[in-house]
Protein backbone atom coordinates (compact mmCIF):
# COMPACT_ATOMS: atom_id res chain seq x y z
CA MET A 1 0.00 0.00 0.00
CA GLU A 2 1.35 3.41 -0.96
CA HIS A 3 1.43 5.98 1.82
CA ARG A 4 -0.14 9.31 0.88
CA HIS A 5 0.34 12.66 2.54
CA ILE A 6 -2.28 15.36 2.71
CA ASN A 7 -1.16 18.25 0.53
CA VAL A 8 -2.89 21.58 1.10
CA LYS A 9 -2.59 24.75 -0.95
CA ASP A 10 -2.43 28.09 0.86
CA ASP A 11 -6.00 29.09 0.02
CA GLU A 12 -7.50 25.73 1.04
CA TRP A 13 -7.11 25.95 4.82
CA GLY A 14 -10.42 25.25 6.53
CA VAL A 15 -12.01 23.20 9.28
CA THR A 16 -12.56 20.22 6.97
CA VAL A 17 -8.88 20.08 6.02
CA ILE A 18 -7.77 20.29 9.65
CA HIS A 19 -10.18 17.54 10.70
CA SER A 20 -8.93 15.38 7.84
CA ILE A 21 -5.33 15.81 8.97
CA TRP A 22 -6.20 15.09 12.60
CA GLU A 23 -8.29 12.03 11.72
CA ARG A 24 -6.33 10.47 8.87
CA GLY A 25 -3.00 12.25 8.68
CA SER A 26 0.35 10.60 9.17
CA GLU A 27 3.06 11.84 11.54
CA HIS A 28 4.47 13.70 8.54
CA ASP A 29 1.14 15.48 8.03
CA ILE A 30 0.91 16.50 11.70
CA CYS A 31 4.50 17.82 11.65
CA ALA A 32 3.76 19.72 8.44
CA LEU A 33 0.65 21.22 10.08
CA ILE A 34 2.70 22.33 13.09
CA ARG A 35 5.21 24.06 10.80
CA GLU A 36 2.40 25.64 8.77
CA VAL A 37 0.58 26.96 11.83
CA LYS A 38 3.80 28.68 12.97
CA LYS A 39 4.15 30.64 9.73
CA ASN A 40 0.70 30.81 8.13
CA PRO A 41 -2.11 32.81 9.81
CA LYS A 42 -4.72 31.12 7.59
CA ALA A 43 -3.68 27.69 8.84
CA ALA A 44 -3.59 28.91 12.45
CA ASP A 45 -7.08 30.38 12.10
CA ALA A 46 -8.41 27.13 10.60
CA VAL A 47 -6.95 25.19 13.53
CA LYS A 48 -8.52 27.61 16.04
CA ARG A 49 -11.92 27.16 14.40
CA SER A 50 -11.48 23.37 14.32
CA ILE A 51 -10.69 22.89 17.99
CA ALA A 52 -14.20 23.51 19.36
CA CYS A 53 -16.00 21.19 16.97
CA SER A 54 -13.52 18.32 16.72
CA GLN A 55 -14.16 14.92 18.27
CA VAL A 56 -10.65 13.64 17.56
CA TYR A 57 -8.77 12.57 20.69
CA GLY A 58 -5.60 14.48 21.58
CA TRP A 59 -4.84 16.75 18.64
CA PRO A 60 -7.31 19.54 19.45
CA LYS A 61 -5.89 19.85 22.97
CA PHE A 62 -2.32 19.75 21.66
CA PHE A 63 -2.99 22.46 19.09
CA SER A 64 -4.91 24.57 21.60
CA LEU A 65 -1.85 24.61 23.87
CA PHE A 66 0.46 25.11 20.89
CA LEU A 67 -1.51 28.15 19.70
CA GLU A 68 -1.44 29.60 23.22
CA LYS A 69 2.36 29.34 23.25
CA ILE A 70 2.62 30.94 19.82
CA ASP A 71 0.35 33.81 20.93
CA GLU A 72 2.48 34.35 24.07
CA LYS A 73 5.55 34.92 21.90
CA LYS A 74 3.85 37.67 19.88
C-alpha cells in the first residue's frame, strides 16, 4: 500500500482540512501542520476554528496549547 500525505494549498485551509489531517493524517502530516501553523495565519485560524468542533482525541488539545504558546511569543 502506498502511503499518501495530505497536501494543502495556501488558500484551502479550513475546518474540513484540519479535521482530515487530525483524523487520517500521518506523523508527517501533523509535523507539516505544526510548521504551517507557525508561519501561516490562515492555517492557524483554521486550527482555532477546528478545535471547538472536533471529536478527535488528543490533537485539538495539543494544538490549543500550541496556539497559546505561539500567541504568548507575539
